[in-house]
């Protein structure tokens, strides 16, 4: 998971639920990006506590890259992960080109709903909390999924 995705999940109050239901791993570089922002972002303090409490796993493999997305990509190539979590448009374009599965913040709402970890009412509330942090496209697609939930 990249820094931006982690912060958006924190701001929308989804992070703990996501971390309890999915194995979330971040590279050391993402941790450093977050820790350096603790003065600017209260969310960074919460994320640091999650790392310390092992709610988020830290991959400590040393990498030569200086970009979080490159570190995430390198770690994913180890073959231990199902998907990359990001909502960076350029990074997602790269993932699509390489046919690598990815998850955006709002997709977690649909996944948690499908797993029975959220009710439809809670899913709508979480999407509303997330709405100002994601693209209109991501919001509208997830909203359509929720509106059609149970109509199959």
Protein backbone atom coordinates (compact mmCIF):
# COMPACT_ATOMS: atom_id res chain seq x y z
CA UNK A 1 0.00 0.00 0.00
CA UNK A 2 1.29 3.46 -0.82
CA UNK A 3 1.34 6.52 1.44
CA UNK A 4 -1.52 8.34 -0.23
CA UNK A 5 -3.84 5.33 -0.05
CA UNK A 6 -2.98 4.77 3.60
CA UNK A 7 -3.65 8.40 4.50
CA UNK A 8 -6.97 8.45 2.60
CA UNK A 9 -8.12 5.30 4.38
CA UNK A 10 -7.14 6.90 7.69
CA UNK A 11 -8.96 10.17 7.00
CA UNK A 12 -12.11 8.30 5.96
CA UNK A 13 -11.98 6.11 9.08
CA UNK A 14 -11.62 2.94 7.01
CA UNK A 15 -8.01 2.03 7.79
CA UNK A 16 -8.53 -0.03 10.93
CA UNK A 17 -11.32 -2.04 9.31
CA UNK A 18 -9.20 -2.61 6.20
CA UNK A 19 -6.11 -3.56 8.24
CA UNK A 20 -8.10 -5.99 10.40
CA UNK A 21 -9.59 -7.76 7.36
CA UNK A 22 -6.70 -7.64 4.90
CA UNK A 23 -2.98 -8.13 5.28
CA UNK A 24 -1.53 -4.66 4.68
CA UNK A 25 2.19 -4.32 4.04
CA UNK A 26 4.15 -1.17 3.36
CA UNK A 27 7.77 -0.75 2.35
CA UNK A 28 10.22 1.01 4.66
CA UNK A 29 10.22 3.96 2.25
CA UNK A 30 6.45 4.46 2.73
CA UNK A 31 6.92 4.33 6.51
CA UNK A 32 9.60 7.00 6.25
CA UNK A 33 7.34 9.19 4.08
CA UNK A 34 4.63 8.91 6.73
CA UNK A 35 6.84 9.37 9.79
CA UNK A 36 8.42 12.51 8.35
CA UNK A 37 4.96 14.07 8.09
CA UNK A 38 3.85 13.64 11.71
CA UNK A 39 4.06 17.38 12.39
CA UNK A 40 1.94 18.20 9.33
CA UNK A 41 -0.54 15.33 9.46
CA UNK A 42 -2.20 13.88 12.55
CA UNK A 43 -2.98 10.82 10.41
CA UNK A 44 0.72 10.05 10.28
CA UNK A 45 0.78 9.60 14.07
CA UNK A 46 -2.09 7.10 13.88
CA UNK A 47 -0.38 5.20 11.05
CA UNK A 48 2.89 5.09 12.99
CA UNK A 49 1.00 3.61 15.96
CA UNK A 50 -0.57 1.00 13.65
CA UNK A 51 2.90 -0.01 12.46
CA UNK A 52 4.18 -0.22 16.05
CA UNK A 53 1.13 -2.32 17.03
CA UNK A 54 1.64 -4.63 14.01
CA UNK A 55 -1.72 -3.75 12.44
CA UNK A 56 0.33 -2.79 9.38
CA UNK A 57 3.27 -5.00 8.39
CA UNK A 58 6.53 -3.34 7.50
CA UNK A 59 8.61 -4.86 4.69
CA UNK A 60 12.18 -3.97 5.62
CA UNK A 61 13.94 -5.19 2.49
CA UNK A 62 16.48 -2.56 1.49
CA UNK A 63 15.76 -1.03 -1.91
CA UNK A 64 17.74 1.46 -3.94
CA UNK A 65 14.69 3.43 -5.06
CA UNK A 66 13.61 6.79 -3.66
CA UNK A 67 9.95 6.61 -4.76
CA UNK A 68 7.27 4.82 -2.76
CA UNK A 69 5.55 3.44 -5.85
CA UNK A 70 8.79 1.89 -7.11
CA UNK A 71 9.39 0.32 -3.71
CA UNK A 72 5.86 -1.09 -3.65
CA UNK A 73 6.31 -2.46 -7.17
CA UNK A 74 9.62 -4.13 -6.22
CA UNK A 75 8.11 -5.73 -3.14
CA UNK A 76 5.07 -6.94 -5.09
CA UNK A 77 7.39 -8.72 -7.53
CA UNK A 78 8.52 -10.97 -4.67
CA UNK A 79 5.30 -12.88 -5.30
CA UNK A 80 3.87 -12.82 -1.78
CA UNK A 81 1.04 -10.35 -2.43
CA UNK A 82 -2.34 -10.42 -4.17
CA UNK A 83 -2.56 -6.76 -5.22
CA UNK A 84 -1.07 -3.31 -4.91
CA UNK A 85 -3.10 -0.64 -3.14
CA UNK A 86 -2.86 2.83 -4.65
CA UNK A 87 -4.91 5.53 -6.27
CA UNK A 88 -2.08 7.33 -8.04
CA UNK A 89 -3.29 7.61 -11.65
CA UNK A 90 0.14 7.27 -13.26
CA UNK A 91 1.05 4.32 -11.08
CA UNK A 92 -2.29 2.61 -11.83
CA UNK A 93 -1.72 3.15 -15.54
CA UNK A 94 1.62 1.35 -15.15
CA UNK A 95 -0.02 -1.47 -13.18
CA UNK A 96 -2.71 -1.90 -15.83
CA UNK A 97 -0.08 -2.02 -18.58
CA UNK A 98 1.79 -4.73 -16.69
CA UNK A 99 -1.47 -6.57 -15.85
CA UNK A 100 -0.86 -6.26 -12.08
CA UNK A 101 -3.94 -6.37 -9.84
CA UNK A 102 -4.58 -3.23 -7.80
CA UNK A 103 -7.05 -1.92 -5.27
CA UNK A 104 -8.07 1.69 -4.80
CA UNK A 105 -9.38 3.02 -1.46
CA UNK A 106 -13.08 2.88 -2.42
CA UNK A 107 -12.78 -0.69 -3.69
CA UNK A 108 -12.13 -1.76 -0.10
CA UNK A 109 -15.69 -0.68 0.74
CA UNK A 110 -17.13 -3.04 -1.86
CA UNK A 111 -14.81 -5.86 -0.76
CA UNK A 112 -15.75 -5.41 2.91
CA UNK A 113 -19.44 -5.35 1.97
CA UNK A 114 -19.04 -8.55 -0.05
CA UNK A 115 -17.26 -10.21 2.90
CA UNK A 116 -20.09 -9.21 5.25
CA UNK A 117 -17.80 -6.93 7.27
CA UNK A 118 -19.93 -3.86 6.41
CA UNK A 119 -23.67 -3.44 6.10
CA UNK A 120 -24.98 -1.56 3.08
CA UNK A 121 -25.78 1.39 5.36
CA UNK A 122 -22.25 1.40 6.80
CA UNK A 123 -20.77 1.04 3.31
CA UNK A 124 -22.66 4.13 2.15
CA UNK A 125 -21.47 6.08 5.20
CA UNK A 126 -17.85 5.03 4.62
CA UNK A 127 -18.12 6.04 0.95
CA UNK A 128 -19.44 9.45 2.01
CA UNK A 129 -16.46 9.85 4.37
CA UNK A 130 -14.09 8.87 1.57
CA UNK A 131 -15.76 10.98 -1.14
CA UNK A 132 -13.64 14.11 -0.77
CA UNK A 133 -10.42 12.08 -0.99
CA UNK A 134 -11.04 10.05 -4.16
CA UNK A 135 -11.71 10.88 -7.79
CA UNK A 136 -15.25 11.41 -9.01
CA UNK A 137 -14.88 8.31 -11.18
CA UNK A 138 -13.86 6.11 -8.24
CA UNK A 139 -16.66 7.54 -6.10
CA UNK A 140 -19.33 7.10 -8.81
CA UNK A 141 -18.33 3.55 -9.67
CA UNK A 142 -18.39 2.52 -6.01
CA UNK A 143 -21.67 4.34 -5.46
CA UNK A 144 -23.20 2.45 -8.41
CA UNK A 145 -22.00 -0.85 -6.92
CA UNK A 146 -23.65 0.04 -3.60
CA UNK A 147 -26.87 1.17 -5.28
CA UNK A 148 -27.09 -2.13 -7.13
CA UNK A 149 -26.10 -4.25 -4.14
CA UNK A 150 -28.58 -7.06 -3.61
CA UNK A 151 -30.40 -6.47 -6.91
CA UNK A 152 -28.72 -9.39 -8.67
